[in-house]
């Protein structure tokens, strides 16, 4: 079992930056592939970014590639999402997710994740 808690959301203007954090507790953090997802009102939850256990592999949604960066610090049990050049269409509740994996892979399908945080709101005004 692992518990996840996101933080760092807020209200910003278009073009600004935010860094989201997700702290994990409960089990060995380095055993988990991690991901960030988001859900806007009236829309399905969508993949944003994923990172492997070691942090050596990452994967991004096309809509955020080049603007967002996922990283992790296994010593701090934390995964980050650095979001630059934010756009109004980035407005959503952002969730982190964890999945225990045997190999150093990225996981990008929400159905493959077993553990989810409560989410943090990101609002980008135009």
C-alpha atoms as a PDB file:
ATOM      1  CA  UNK A   1       0.000   0.000   0.000  1.00  0.00           C
ATOM      2  CA  UNK A   2       1.228   3.507  -0.794  1.00  0.00           C
ATOM      3  CA  UNK A   3      -0.311   6.865  -0.038  1.00  0.00           C
ATOM      4  CA  UNK A   4       0.161   9.818  -2.365  1.00  0.00           C
ATOM      5  CA  UNK A   5      -0.283  13.505  -1.632  1.00  0.00           C
ATOM      6  CA  UNK A   6      -0.013  16.208  -4.284  1.00  0.00           C
ATOM      7  CA  UNK A   7       0.756  19.866  -3.695  1.00  0.00           C
ATOM      8  CA  UNK A   8       1.804  22.947  -5.621  1.00  0.00           C
ATOM      9  CA  UNK A   9      -1.321  23.742  -7.597  1.00  0.00           C
ATOM     10  CA  UNK A  10      -2.749  27.228  -7.845  1.00  0.00           C
ATOM     11  CA  UNK A  11      -4.074  30.042  -9.996  1.00  0.00           C
ATOM     12  CA  UNK A  12      -1.612  31.537 -12.472  1.00  0.00           C
ATOM     13  CA  UNK A  13      -1.679  33.573 -15.652  1.00  0.00           C
ATOM     14  CA  UNK A  14      -0.938  32.135 -19.058  1.00  0.00           C
ATOM     15  CA  UNK A  15       2.789  31.829 -19.638  1.00  0.00           C
ATOM     16  CA  UNK A  16       3.601  31.286 -15.979  1.00  0.00           C
ATOM     17  CA  UNK A  17       5.183  28.250 -14.354  1.00  0.00           C
ATOM     18  CA  UNK A  18       4.222  25.932 -11.535  1.00  0.00           C
ATOM     19  CA  UNK A  19       5.897  22.945  -9.948  1.00  0.00           C
ATOM     20  CA  UNK A  20       3.723  20.166  -8.617  1.00  0.00           C
ATOM     21  CA  UNK A  21       5.011  17.738  -6.022  1.00  0.00           C
ATOM     22  CA  UNK A  22       3.727  14.336  -5.007  1.00  0.00           C
ATOM     23  CA  UNK A  23       5.009  12.739  -1.826  1.00  0.00           C
ATOM     24  CA  UNK A  24       4.606   9.008  -1.373  1.00  0.00           C
ATOM     25  CA  UNK A  25       4.524   7.086   1.861  1.00  0.00           C
ATOM     26  CA  UNK A  26       4.074   3.508   2.851  1.00  0.00           C
ATOM     27  CA  UNK A  27       6.328   1.330   0.735  1.00  0.00           C
ATOM     28  CA  UNK A  28       9.622   1.475  -1.117  1.00  0.00           C
ATOM     29  CA  UNK A  29       9.187   4.414  -3.450  1.00  0.00           C
ATOM     30  CA  UNK A  30      11.870   3.263  -5.843  1.00  0.00           C
ATOM     31  CA  UNK A  31       9.769   0.170  -6.625  1.00  0.00           C
ATOM     32  CA  UNK A  32       7.100   2.286  -8.264  1.00  0.00           C
ATOM     33  CA  UNK A  33       6.692   3.752 -11.683  1.00  0.00           C
ATOM     34  CA  UNK A  34       5.040   7.147 -11.320  1.00  0.00           C
ATOM     35  CA  UNK A  35       2.762   9.209 -13.483  1.00  0.00           C
ATOM     36  CA  UNK A  36       0.885  12.476 -13.652  1.00  0.00           C
ATOM     37  CA  UNK A  37      -2.625  12.718 -15.046  1.00  0.00           C
ATOM     38  CA  UNK A  38      -5.148  15.530 -15.260  1.00  0.00           C
ATOM     39  CA  UNK A  39      -8.882  15.921 -15.494  1.00  0.00           C
ATOM     40  CA  UNK A  40     -10.686  19.024 -16.660  1.00  0.00           C
ATOM     41  CA  UNK A  41     -14.379  19.610 -15.928  1.00  0.00           C
ATOM     42  CA  UNK A  42     -16.568  17.469 -18.160  1.00  0.00           C
ATOM     43  CA  UNK A  43     -13.611  15.585 -19.605  1.00  0.00           C
ATOM     44  CA  UNK A  44     -12.019  12.221 -18.998  1.00  0.00           C
ATOM     45  CA  UNK A  45      -8.824  11.846 -17.058  1.00  0.00           C
ATOM     46  CA  UNK A  46      -5.872  12.108 -19.419  1.00  0.00           C
ATOM     47  CA  UNK A  47      -2.236  11.144 -19.286  1.00  0.00           C
ATOM     48  CA  UNK A  48       0.315  13.931 -18.811  1.00  0.00           C
ATOM     49  CA  UNK A  49       3.703  12.397 -18.032  1.00  0.00           C
ATOM     50  CA  UNK A  50       5.319   9.253 -16.646  1.00  0.00           C
ATOM     51  CA  UNK A  51       8.669   8.295 -15.209  1.00  0.00           C
ATOM     52  CA  UNK A  52      10.376   4.976 -14.562  1.00  0.00           C
ATOM     53  CA  UNK A  53      11.525   3.670 -11.199  1.00  0.00           C
ATOM     54  CA  UNK A  54      15.033   5.011 -11.566  1.00  0.00           C
ATOM     55  CA  UNK A  55      13.993   8.215 -13.292  1.00  0.00           C
ATOM     56  CA  UNK A  56      16.030   7.304 -16.331  1.00  0.00           C
ATOM     57  CA  UNK A  57      13.050   7.031 -18.655  1.00  0.00           C
ATOM     58  CA  UNK A  58      10.259   9.523 -19.135  1.00  0.00           C
ATOM     59  CA  UNK A  59       7.276   9.851 -21.442  1.00  0.00           C
ATOM     60  CA  UNK A  60       4.998  12.801 -22.184  1.00  0.00           C
ATOM     61  CA  UNK A  61       1.694  13.550 -23.755  1.00  0.00           C
ATOM     62  CA  UNK A  62       2.080  15.419 -27.012  1.00  0.00           C
ATOM     63  CA  UNK A  63       0.159  18.383 -25.608  1.00  0.00           C
ATOM     64  CA  UNK A  64       2.759  19.026 -22.878  1.00  0.00           C
ATOM     65  CA  UNK A  65       5.990  17.816 -24.456  1.00  0.00           C
ATOM     66  CA  UNK A  66       8.609  20.541 -24.376  1.00  0.00           C
ATOM     67  CA  UNK A  67       6.747  22.507 -21.691  1.00  0.00           C
ATOM     68  CA  UNK A  68       6.441  20.033 -18.797  1.00  0.00           C
ATOM     69  CA  UNK A  69       9.166  18.006 -17.125  1.00  0.00           C
ATOM     70  CA  UNK A  70       8.642  15.049 -14.827  1.00  0.00           C
ATOM     71  CA  UNK A  71      11.362  14.097 -12.369  1.00  0.00           C
ATOM     72  CA  UNK A  72      11.721  12.167  -9.137  1.00  0.00           C
ATOM     73  CA  UNK A  73      13.878  12.123  -6.041  1.00  0.00           C
ATOM     74  CA  UNK A  74      13.795   8.614  -4.618  1.00  0.00           C
ATOM     75  CA  UNK A  75      15.608   9.728  -1.475  1.00  0.00           C
ATOM     76  CA  UNK A  76      12.715  12.099  -0.753  1.00  0.00           C
ATOM     77  CA  UNK A  77       9.935   9.769  -1.967  1.00  0.00           C
ATOM     78  CA  UNK A  78       8.797  12.566  -4.247  1.00  0.00           C
ATOM     79  CA  UNK A  79       7.884  12.980  -7.892  1.00  0.00           C
ATOM     80  CA  UNK A  80       7.679  16.420  -9.479  1.00  0.00           C
ATOM     81  CA  UNK A  81       6.000  17.974 -12.466  1.00  0.00           C
ATOM     82  CA  UNK A  82       7.585  21.214 -13.605  1.00  0.00           C
ATOM     83  CA  UNK A  83       5.091  23.055 -15.787  1.00  0.00           C
ATOM     84  CA  UNK A  84       6.312  25.967 -17.894  1.00  0.00           C
ATOM     85  CA  UNK A  85       4.567  28.165 -20.450  1.00  0.00           C
ATOM     86  CA  UNK A  86       1.209  27.270 -19.007  1.00  0.00           C
ATOM     87  CA  UNK A  87      -1.868  27.676 -21.175  1.00  0.00           C
ATOM     88  CA  UNK A  88      -5.550  28.034 -20.231  1.00  0.00           C
ATOM     89  CA  UNK A  89      -6.141  24.557 -21.666  1.00  0.00           C
ATOM     90  CA  UNK A  90      -3.821  23.163 -18.977  1.00  0.00           C
ATOM     91  CA  UNK A  91      -6.490  24.006 -16.396  1.00  0.00           C
ATOM     92  CA  UNK A  92      -7.453  20.799 -14.597  1.00  0.00           C
ATOM     93  CA  UNK A  93      -7.122  18.810 -11.426  1.00  0.00           C
ATOM     94  CA  UNK A  94      -3.735  17.115 -11.537  1.00  0.00           C
ATOM     95  CA  UNK A  95      -3.268  13.670 -10.018  1.00  0.00           C
ATOM     96  CA  UNK A  96      -0.189  11.634  -9.361  1.00  0.00           C
ATOM     97  CA  UNK A  97      -0.302   7.867  -9.560  1.00  0.00           C
ATOM     98  CA  UNK A  98       1.933   4.955  -8.596  1.00  0.00           C
ATOM     99  CA  UNK A  99       2.302   1.442  -9.857  1.00  0.00           C
ATOM    100  CA  UNK A 100       4.593  -1.266  -8.472  1.00  0.00           C
ATOM    101  CA  UNK A 101       6.730  -2.603 -11.303  1.00  0.00           C
ATOM    102  CA  UNK A 102       9.431  -5.225 -11.613  1.00  0.00           C
ATOM    103  CA  UNK A 103      11.304  -3.502 -14.397  1.00  0.00           C
ATOM    104  CA  UNK A 104      12.471   0.013 -15.122  1.00  0.00           C
ATOM    105  CA  UNK A 105       9.565   0.935 -17.388  1.00  0.00           C
ATOM    106  CA  UNK A 106       7.219   3.848 -17.830  1.00  0.00           C
ATOM    107  CA  UNK A 107       3.493   3.321 -17.409  1.00  0.00           C
ATOM    108  CA  UNK A 108       1.128   5.668 -19.209  1.00  0.00           C
ATOM    109  CA  UNK A 109      -2.284   3.965 -19.128  1.00  0.00           C
ATOM    110  CA  UNK A 110      -4.395   5.092 -16.154  1.00  0.00           C
ATOM    111  CA  UNK A 111      -5.894   1.596 -15.863  1.00  0.00           C
ATOM    112  CA  UNK A 112      -2.462   0.223 -15.011  1.00  0.00           C
ATOM    113  CA  UNK A 113      -2.028   2.397 -11.939  1.00  0.00           C
ATOM    114  CA  UNK A 114      -3.154   1.055  -8.591  1.00  0.00           C
ATOM    115  CA  UNK A 115      -2.584   4.085  -6.386  1.00  0.00           C
ATOM    116  CA  UNK A 116      -3.796   7.640  -6.826  1.00  0.00           C
ATOM    117  CA  UNK A 117      -3.547  10.892  -4.937  1.00  0.00           C
ATOM    118  CA  UNK A 118      -6.452  13.232  -4.209  1.00  0.00           C
ATOM    119  CA  UNK A 119      -5.396  15.779  -6.802  1.00  0.00           C
ATOM    120  CA  UNK A 120      -4.369  19.419  -6.848  1.00  0.00           C
ATOM    121  CA  UNK A 121      -6.141  22.142  -8.812  1.00  0.00           C
ATOM    122  CA  UNK A 122      -4.268  24.069 -11.483  1.00  0.00           C
ATOM    123  CA  UNK A 123      -6.048  27.036 -13.017  1.00  0.00           C
ATOM    124  CA  UNK A 124      -4.497  29.076 -15.814  1.00  0.00           C
ATOM    125  CA  UNK A 125      -6.145  32.358 -16.695  1.00  0.00           C
ATOM    126  CA  UNK A 126      -5.833  33.996 -20.103  1.00  0.00           C
END
